[in-house]
Protein backbone atom coordinates (compact mmCIF):
# COMPACT_ATOMS: atom_id res chain seq x y z
CA MET A 1 198.11 165.93 288.95
CA ILE A 2 198.07 162.25 287.99
CA GLY A 3 194.44 162.53 286.88
CA LEU A 4 195.22 165.53 284.66
CA LEU A 5 198.15 163.63 283.17
CA ALA A 6 195.89 160.64 282.49
CA ALA A 7 193.37 162.95 280.78
CA LEU A 8 196.07 164.54 278.65
CA ILE A 9 197.53 161.16 277.62
CA ALA A 10 194.09 159.76 276.77
CA PHE A 11 193.23 162.83 274.72
CA LEU A 12 196.54 162.90 272.84
CA VAL A 13 196.58 159.16 272.09
CA ASP A 14 193.00 159.38 270.83
CA GLN A 15 193.65 162.39 268.62
CA ALA A 16 196.93 161.01 267.23
CA THR A 17 195.38 157.67 266.28
CA LYS A 18 192.36 159.36 264.70
CA ALA A 19 194.63 161.69 262.70
CA ILE A 20 196.47 158.68 261.29
CA VAL A 21 193.17 156.98 260.42
CA VAL A 22 191.71 160.10 258.76
CA ALA A 23 194.94 160.57 256.76
CA ASN A 24 194.53 156.99 255.50
CA ALA A 25 190.73 157.01 255.17
CA ALA A 26 190.72 155.96 251.51
CA ASP A 27 192.77 152.84 252.26
CA LEU A 28 190.84 152.01 255.43
CA SER A 29 187.30 152.51 254.10
CA ALA A 30 187.04 148.89 252.93
CA GLY A 31 188.89 147.65 256.00
CA ILE A 32 192.35 146.18 256.34
CA PRO A 33 192.68 142.78 258.04
CA VAL A 34 195.30 142.87 260.79
CA PHE A 35 194.78 139.35 262.13
CA PRO A 36 191.79 136.98 262.27
CA GLY A 37 189.12 138.71 264.33
CA PHE A 38 190.47 142.24 263.91
CA ASN A 39 190.40 144.83 261.12
CA LEU A 40 191.38 148.46 260.90
CA ILE A 41 188.58 150.40 259.26
CA TYR A 42 187.49 153.99 258.75
CA LEU A 43 183.97 154.85 259.91
CA ARG A 44 182.24 158.01 261.03
CA ASN A 45 179.89 157.38 263.98
CA ASP A 46 177.25 159.91 265.01
CA GLY A 47 176.42 158.03 268.22
CA VAL A 48 178.32 157.58 271.47
CA THR A 49 180.49 154.69 272.68
CA PHE A 50 179.95 151.62 270.48
CA GLY A 51 177.32 153.43 268.37
CA LEU A 52 174.76 153.95 271.14
CA LEU A 53 172.36 156.89 270.61
CA GLY A 54 173.14 157.05 266.88
CA GLY A 55 171.08 159.67 265.09
CA ALA A 56 170.94 162.06 268.05
CA PRO A 57 171.90 165.66 267.18
CA TRP A 58 175.68 166.08 267.41
CA TRP A 59 175.37 169.16 269.60
CA SER A 60 173.19 167.37 272.17
CA LEU A 61 175.79 164.62 272.59
CA THR A 62 178.48 167.29 272.84
CA VAL A 63 176.61 169.15 275.58
CA LEU A 64 175.95 165.87 277.42
CA ALA A 65 179.62 164.85 277.20
CA LEU A 66 180.80 168.25 278.42
CA ALA A 67 178.37 168.12 281.35
CA VAL A 68 179.63 164.64 282.28
CA CYS A 69 183.23 165.89 281.97
CA GLY A 70 182.40 168.76 284.31
CA TRP A 71 180.95 166.38 286.89
CA LEU A 72 183.91 164.00 286.52
CA THR A 73 186.32 166.92 286.97
CA VAL A 74 184.67 167.72 290.29
CA MET A 75 185.04 164.05 291.27
CA LEU A 76 188.69 164.12 290.13
CA VAL A 77 189.45 167.18 292.26
CA ARG A 78 187.75 165.63 295.30
CA THR A 79 189.34 162.18 295.21
CA ALA A 80 192.33 161.29 297.34
CA SER A 81 192.80 158.00 295.52
CA PRO A 82 195.42 157.94 292.76
CA VAL A 83 193.62 155.00 291.14
CA GLU A 84 190.35 156.93 290.98
CA ALA A 85 192.20 160.02 289.70
CA ILE A 86 193.67 158.00 286.82
CA ALA A 87 190.24 156.52 286.06
CA TYR A 88 188.53 159.92 286.06
CA GLY A 89 191.31 161.35 283.92
CA ALA A 90 191.05 158.52 281.37
CA ILE A 91 187.30 159.01 281.06
CA ILE A 92 187.61 162.79 280.75
CA GLY A 93 190.40 162.60 278.17
CA GLY A 94 188.53 160.05 276.09
CA ALA A 95 185.28 161.98 276.27
CA LEU A 96 186.99 165.22 275.26
CA GLY A 97 188.63 163.45 272.32
CA ASN A 98 185.21 162.45 271.02
CA VAL A 99 183.81 165.92 271.77
CA LEU A 100 186.48 167.46 269.56
CA ASP A 101 185.52 165.04 266.77
CA ARG A 102 181.85 165.95 267.12
CA ILE A 103 182.65 169.65 266.87
CA ARG A 104 184.98 169.18 263.89
CA PHE A 105 183.21 166.41 261.96
CA ARG A 106 179.68 166.12 263.50
CA GLY A 107 180.60 162.53 264.41
CA VAL A 108 183.51 160.52 265.78
CA THR A 109 186.13 158.59 263.86
CA ASP A 110 185.99 154.87 264.63
CA PHE A 111 188.56 152.40 263.36
CA LEU A 112 188.88 149.35 265.60
CA ASP A 113 186.77 146.50 264.19
CA PHE A 114 186.69 143.24 266.16
CA TYR A 115 184.66 140.29 264.94
CA ALA A 116 183.99 136.57 265.31
CA GLY A 117 182.95 134.87 262.09
CA SER A 118 180.54 137.26 260.43
CA THR A 119 179.50 138.96 263.68
CA HIS A 120 181.17 142.33 264.21
CA TRP A 121 181.36 144.25 267.47
CA PRO A 122 180.47 147.91 266.79
CA ALA A 123 183.62 149.70 265.62
CA PHE A 124 185.20 151.99 268.19
CA ASN A 125 188.23 154.20 268.81
CA MET A 126 190.84 154.88 271.47
CA ALA A 127 188.60 157.44 273.20
CA ASP A 128 186.07 154.65 273.74
CA VAL A 129 188.85 152.42 275.09
CA PHE A 130 189.85 155.09 277.60
CA VAL A 131 186.24 155.76 278.64
CA VAL A 132 185.38 152.08 279.12
CA GLY A 133 188.77 151.34 280.69
CA GLY A 134 188.34 154.28 283.07
CA VAL A 135 184.89 153.07 284.11
CA GLY A 136 186.31 149.58 284.65
CA LEU A 137 189.13 151.02 286.74
CA LEU A 138 186.61 152.98 288.84
CA LEU A 139 184.74 149.74 289.51
CA ILE A 140 187.84 148.00 290.85
CA ALA A 141 189.38 151.12 292.47
CA PRO A 142 188.19 150.25 296.01
CA TRP A 143 189.78 146.82 295.75
CA LEU A 144 193.02 148.21 294.27
CA SER A 145 193.23 150.98 296.86
CA ALA A 146 192.75 148.49 299.70
CA LYS A 147 195.37 146.19 298.18
CA PHE A 148 197.93 149.03 297.93
CA GLN A 149 197.21 150.25 301.47
CA ASN A 150 197.73 146.75 302.86
CA GLY A 151 200.96 146.36 300.92
CA THR A 152 199.87 143.12 299.24
């Protein structure tokens, strides 16, 4: 259940933030400085996380994401680790958030723009944060699980 809850939270946070950005697209198109090194901006990205695979047909990325979500759902059902379940859920929820954007807009809404000087990291969204965070959590899950089992 915790993995499904993580997926639902990731999906809802992603969709809510994107709805706010789309509603304010005119104001965000030029970018709004939040603090040095970070802007809010409105962009439409036809690639995957951080702009990778840009230019690929939207439907192919949708099919790929759904296939990955299917595989991750199997992994979620099989895991006994709550940490892994949260990680799988975060990835699934984020991926499904971007899938919905691809179906609706043929691309995803990106709005987080980090930079140093004139060098900008590719803009991204909360779905990307959940996907990357979930992968990171999966990488440290064995260590976290061992730490919780040992009570330290």
